[in-house]
Protein backbone atom coordinates (compact mmCIF):
# COMPACT_ATOMS: atom_id res chain seq x y z
CA MET A 1 111.95 131.51 71.27
CA TRP A 2 111.51 132.67 67.73
CA ILE A 3 107.62 132.54 68.19
CA ASN A 4 107.69 135.12 71.01
CA ARG A 5 109.86 137.71 69.11
CA ASN A 6 107.68 136.90 66.07
CA SER A 7 104.52 137.63 68.16
CA PHE A 8 106.23 140.82 69.49
CA VAL A 9 107.12 142.01 66.26
CA THR A 10 103.58 141.53 64.91
CA ALA A 11 102.01 143.20 67.96
CA GLY A 12 104.28 146.37 67.44
CA LEU A 13 103.48 146.44 63.73
CA VAL A 14 99.76 146.23 64.56
CA VAL A 15 100.15 148.85 67.14
CA LEU A 16 101.79 151.32 64.72
CA THR A 17 99.41 150.42 61.85
CA ILE A 18 96.70 151.69 64.12
CA ALA A 19 98.14 154.78 65.44
CA GLY A 20 99.40 155.88 61.66
CA THR A 21 95.75 155.44 60.73
CA THR A 22 94.43 157.49 63.55
CA ILE A 23 97.08 160.25 62.66
CA ALA A 24 96.38 160.38 58.80
CA ALA A 25 92.58 160.25 59.37
CA THR A 26 92.64 163.54 61.21
CA GLY A 27 90.14 166.21 60.30
CA GLN A 28 91.19 169.84 59.37
CA ALA A 29 93.78 171.39 61.44
CA GLU A 30 93.02 173.24 64.32
CA ALA A 31 95.35 176.31 65.99
CA ARG A 32 94.87 175.26 69.73
CA ASN A 33 96.72 174.60 72.56
CA ASN A 34 96.53 170.80 73.13
CA PHE A 35 99.52 170.42 75.29
CA GLY A 36 97.46 168.06 77.80
CA ARG A 37 96.17 165.72 75.27
CA GLY A 38 99.80 165.15 73.81
CA LEU A 39 101.34 164.95 77.19
CA ALA A 40 98.78 161.86 78.08
CA ALA A 41 99.08 160.04 74.88
CA GLY A 42 102.95 160.19 75.10
CA ILE A 43 102.47 158.78 78.95
CA ALA A 44 100.14 156.31 77.61
CA GLY A 45 102.32 155.03 74.95
CA THR A 46 105.13 154.92 77.33
CA ILE A 47 103.37 152.69 79.63
CA LEU A 48 101.98 150.70 76.81
CA GLY A 49 105.59 150.21 75.25
CA GLY A 50 107.25 149.44 78.60
CA ALA A 51 104.61 146.52 79.21
CA LEU A 52 104.94 145.35 76.03
CA ILE A 53 108.87 145.13 76.37
CA ALA A 54 108.60 143.71 79.71
CA GLY A 55 106.56 141.00 78.52
CA ALA A 56 108.73 140.00 75.71
CA SER A 57 111.59 139.57 77.86
CA GLN A 58 110.35 136.86 79.61
CA PRO A 59 110.30 133.36 78.54
CA ALA A 60 106.48 132.06 78.31
CA TYR A 61 107.37 128.36 78.88
CA ALA A 62 109.50 129.25 82.46
CA ALA A 63 108.42 126.97 85.08
CA PRO A 64 107.94 128.76 88.55
CA ARG A 65 111.03 127.63 90.84
CA PRO A 66 110.38 127.66 94.66
CA VAL A 67 112.21 130.70 96.63
CA TYR A 68 114.12 128.36 98.54
CA GLY A 69 115.42 124.55 98.30
CA PRO A 70 117.01 122.74 95.18
CA PRO A 71 115.56 123.62 91.97
CA VAL A 72 112.14 121.06 91.26
CA VAL A 73 112.87 118.07 89.28
CA TYR A 74 110.19 116.28 87.33
CA GLU A 75 110.11 112.89 87.14
CA PRO A 76 108.76 111.12 84.16
CA ALA A 77 105.24 109.44 84.45
CA TYR A 78 106.48 106.07 82.76
CA PRO A 79 109.22 104.00 83.85
CA VAL A 80 112.53 104.03 81.89
CA CYS A 81 113.38 100.98 80.46
CA HIS A 82 116.33 99.18 78.79
CA VAL A 83 118.05 95.84 77.63
CA VAL A 84 120.58 94.16 79.47
CA TRP A 85 122.75 90.83 78.81
CA ARG A 86 122.62 88.39 81.63
CA GLN A 87 124.18 85.05 82.40
CA ASP A 88 122.29 82.30 83.71
CA GLY A 89 124.02 79.55 86.08
CA TYR A 90 124.97 77.51 83.23
CA GLY A 91 126.85 80.21 81.21
CA ASP A 92 124.48 81.18 78.74
CA MET A 93 123.68 84.88 77.55
CA TYR A 94 119.85 85.90 77.54
CA ARG A 95 118.52 89.54 77.41
CA ALA A 96 116.46 90.94 80.28
CA ARG A 97 114.22 94.17 80.09
CA VAL A 98 115.18 96.33 83.29
CA CYS A 99 113.14 99.10 84.19
CA ASN A 100 113.76 101.74 86.83
């Protein structure tokens, strides 16, 4: 869970660094009406930020669940074994391995 948060923060810092460099590396100031460019950049930033936040809110390890029916139960590929004590016909105790 911390890995997802750390990668989200890292991606955000990379985006902020790139945005800061492009703003800092501008040429001379121009007295023109650039409302359309600013609006387009704001919309693009909102869409990109929303996509980053939506992607970070879902865990990457979630298994798909069916829409109907009980949840999917994964069984191990190997048998689960344990040791139990048994008693033979003479009353002597011995250990036996039991596997499911």
